[in-house]
Amino acid sequence: MTAPPTTHQVQVRWPDVDALGHVNHSAVLAYLEVGRDAVLSACGIAAQDCVVRHCTIDYVREVRPLGSHVEYRFDAVVPGRTSIRVEERLMQAGETAVASAFVLVMWNGAEHAPRELTPAERHALLNLNKEL
């Protein structure tokens, strides 16, 4: 079985650039979500399967529109009973521009309540950790 990807190219869009010439902090949050969704979906976890409970974001350097993409990197994952802690970065020109950590809660959309990770989801996440 092929391991899920731990990186994803995220497109920098012109409207994301502010008057200072760098990508606005709110767009960075969206870039992290796009990358995370790509990695988690490869593990069988769809975007609607989890919600953000907590996040920390360190803006290490400005993200500039140097090219058409930034590289999202999934650095670590710690699965809990109903939650997942992920560490991730946005890279530009080979350097970390943004470092972040998120706690995601698995979500039952029909009941609007947390749910436990399934055995298949836990297995996929633990296998993802082996690739990191």
Protein backbone atom coordinates (compact mmCIF):
# COMPACT_ATOMS: atom_id res chain seq x y z
CA MET A 1 0.00 0.00 0.00
CA THR A 2 1.29 3.46 -0.90
CA ALA A 3 1.86 5.77 2.05
CA PRO A 4 -0.26 8.92 2.17
CA PRO A 5 1.51 12.12 1.15
CA THR A 6 2.85 14.37 3.90
CA THR A 7 3.30 17.43 1.68
CA HIS A 8 0.98 19.41 -0.56
CA GLN A 9 1.49 22.35 -2.91
CA VAL A 10 -0.92 25.20 -2.08
CA GLN A 11 -1.57 27.88 -4.67
CA VAL A 12 -0.86 31.50 -3.72
CA ARG A 13 -3.68 33.65 -5.09
CA TRP A 14 -3.39 37.33 -5.94
CA PRO A 15 -6.26 38.36 -3.58
CA ASP A 16 -4.30 36.78 -0.67
CA VAL A 17 -1.56 39.43 -0.95
CA ASP A 18 -2.04 42.54 1.19
CA ALA A 19 -0.82 46.13 0.80
CA LEU A 20 2.54 45.21 2.37
CA GLY A 21 3.22 42.76 -0.45
CA HIS A 22 2.96 39.58 1.59
CA VAL A 23 0.27 36.97 2.09
CA ASN A 24 -2.23 38.09 4.72
CA HIS A 25 -2.37 36.12 7.97
CA SER A 26 -5.97 35.02 7.35
CA ALA A 27 -4.97 33.53 3.99
CA VAL A 28 -2.20 31.58 5.73
CA LEU A 29 -4.86 29.93 7.89
CA ALA A 30 -6.69 28.85 4.72
CA TYR A 31 -3.43 27.52 3.19
CA LEU A 32 -2.90 25.35 6.28
CA GLU A 33 -6.45 24.03 6.00
CA VAL A 34 -6.06 23.19 2.30
CA GLY A 35 -2.85 21.27 2.95
CA ARG A 36 -4.20 19.49 6.02
CA ASP A 37 -7.37 18.47 4.20
CA ALA A 38 -5.29 16.98 1.37
CA VAL A 39 -3.16 14.90 3.75
CA LEU A 40 -6.05 13.78 5.96
CA SER A 41 -8.27 12.88 3.00
CA ALA A 42 -5.51 10.54 1.80
CA CYS A 43 -5.93 8.85 5.22
CA GLY A 44 -9.69 8.49 4.71
CA ILE A 45 -10.61 11.47 6.88
CA ALA A 46 -12.75 13.98 4.99
CA ALA A 47 -12.87 17.70 5.81
CA GLN A 48 -16.35 17.33 7.30
CA ASP A 49 -15.14 14.55 9.62
CA CYS A 50 -13.36 16.92 11.99
CA VAL A 51 -13.53 20.44 13.41
CA VAL A 52 -10.81 22.72 14.77
CA ARG A 53 -10.79 23.00 18.54
CA HIS A 54 -7.51 24.85 19.03
CA CYS A 55 -4.73 26.28 16.91
CA THR A 56 -1.44 28.06 17.37
CA ILE A 57 0.34 29.69 14.48
CA ASP A 58 3.85 31.14 14.51
CA TYR A 59 4.55 33.47 11.62
CA VAL A 60 8.30 32.86 11.34
CA ARG A 61 8.79 34.95 8.19
CA GLU A 62 6.55 36.63 5.70
CA VAL A 63 5.01 34.54 2.95
CA ARG A 64 5.61 36.40 -0.28
CA PRO A 65 4.12 35.78 -3.70
CA LEU A 66 7.52 34.56 -4.96
CA GLY A 67 5.96 31.82 -7.03
CA SER A 68 2.58 30.38 -7.55
CA HIS A 69 2.74 27.93 -4.61
CA VAL A 70 3.88 27.37 -1.04
CA GLU A 71 4.68 23.91 0.26
CA TYR A 72 2.54 22.56 3.09
CA ARG A 73 4.31 19.98 5.29
CA PHE A 74 2.57 17.69 7.74
CA ASP A 75 5.15 17.18 10.51
CA ALA A 76 3.50 15.12 13.24
CA VAL A 77 0.20 13.63 14.30
CA VAL A 78 -0.92 12.37 17.70
CA PRO A 79 -4.27 10.57 17.63
CA GLY A 80 -6.33 10.62 20.80
CA ARG A 81 -9.71 9.05 21.53
CA THR A 82 -11.83 11.76 19.86
CA SER A 83 -9.16 14.19 18.73
CA ILE A 84 -6.04 14.52 16.62
CA ARG A 85 -3.12 16.85 17.33
CA VAL A 86 -1.23 17.85 14.19
CA GLU A 87 1.92 19.89 13.68
CA GLU A 88 2.46 21.43 10.28
CA ARG A 89 4.47 24.05 8.37
CA LEU A 90 4.33 26.21 5.31
CA MET A 91 7.62 26.33 3.45
CA GLN A 92 8.81 28.88 0.94
CA ALA A 93 12.16 28.88 -0.83
CA GLY A 94 13.19 25.91 1.33
CA GLU A 95 12.65 27.73 4.63
CA THR A 96 9.90 27.56 7.22
CA ALA A 97 7.62 30.57 6.90
CA VAL A 98 4.83 29.37 9.21
CA ALA A 99 4.80 26.74 11.97
CA SER A 100 1.51 25.63 13.48
CA ALA A 101 -0.22 23.12 15.71
CA PHE A 102 -3.91 22.22 15.59
CA VAL A 103 -6.17 20.08 17.73
CA LEU A 104 -8.93 18.61 15.60
CA VAL A 105 -11.99 16.93 17.09
CA MET A 106 -13.60 14.09 15.16
CA TRP A 107 -17.15 15.14 14.35
CA ASN A 108 -20.49 13.40 13.92
CA GLY A 109 -22.33 15.82 11.64
CA ALA A 110 -25.72 14.17 12.13
CA GLU A 111 -25.56 14.54 15.91
CA HIS A 112 -23.45 17.72 15.98
CA ALA A 113 -21.22 16.09 18.56
CA PRO A 114 -17.72 14.66 18.91
CA ARG A 115 -17.14 11.04 17.98
CA GLU A 116 -14.35 8.54 18.50
CA LEU A 117 -11.74 7.84 15.85
CA THR A 118 -12.55 4.67 13.96
CA PRO A 119 -9.97 1.85 14.01
CA ALA A 120 -9.30 2.49 10.29
CA GLU A 121 -8.71 6.22 10.88
CA ARG A 122 -6.38 5.52 13.81
CA HIS A 123 -4.45 2.95 11.76
CA ALA A 124 -4.06 5.37 8.83
CA LEU A 125 -2.83 8.14 11.13
CA LEU A 126 -0.34 5.87 12.86
CA ASN A 127 0.95 4.74 9.45
CA LEU A 128 1.27 8.37 8.45
CA ASN A 129 3.45 8.94 11.51
CA LYS A 130 5.79 6.19 10.29
CA GLU A 131 6.40 8.21 7.12
CA LEU A 132 7.39 11.35 9.03
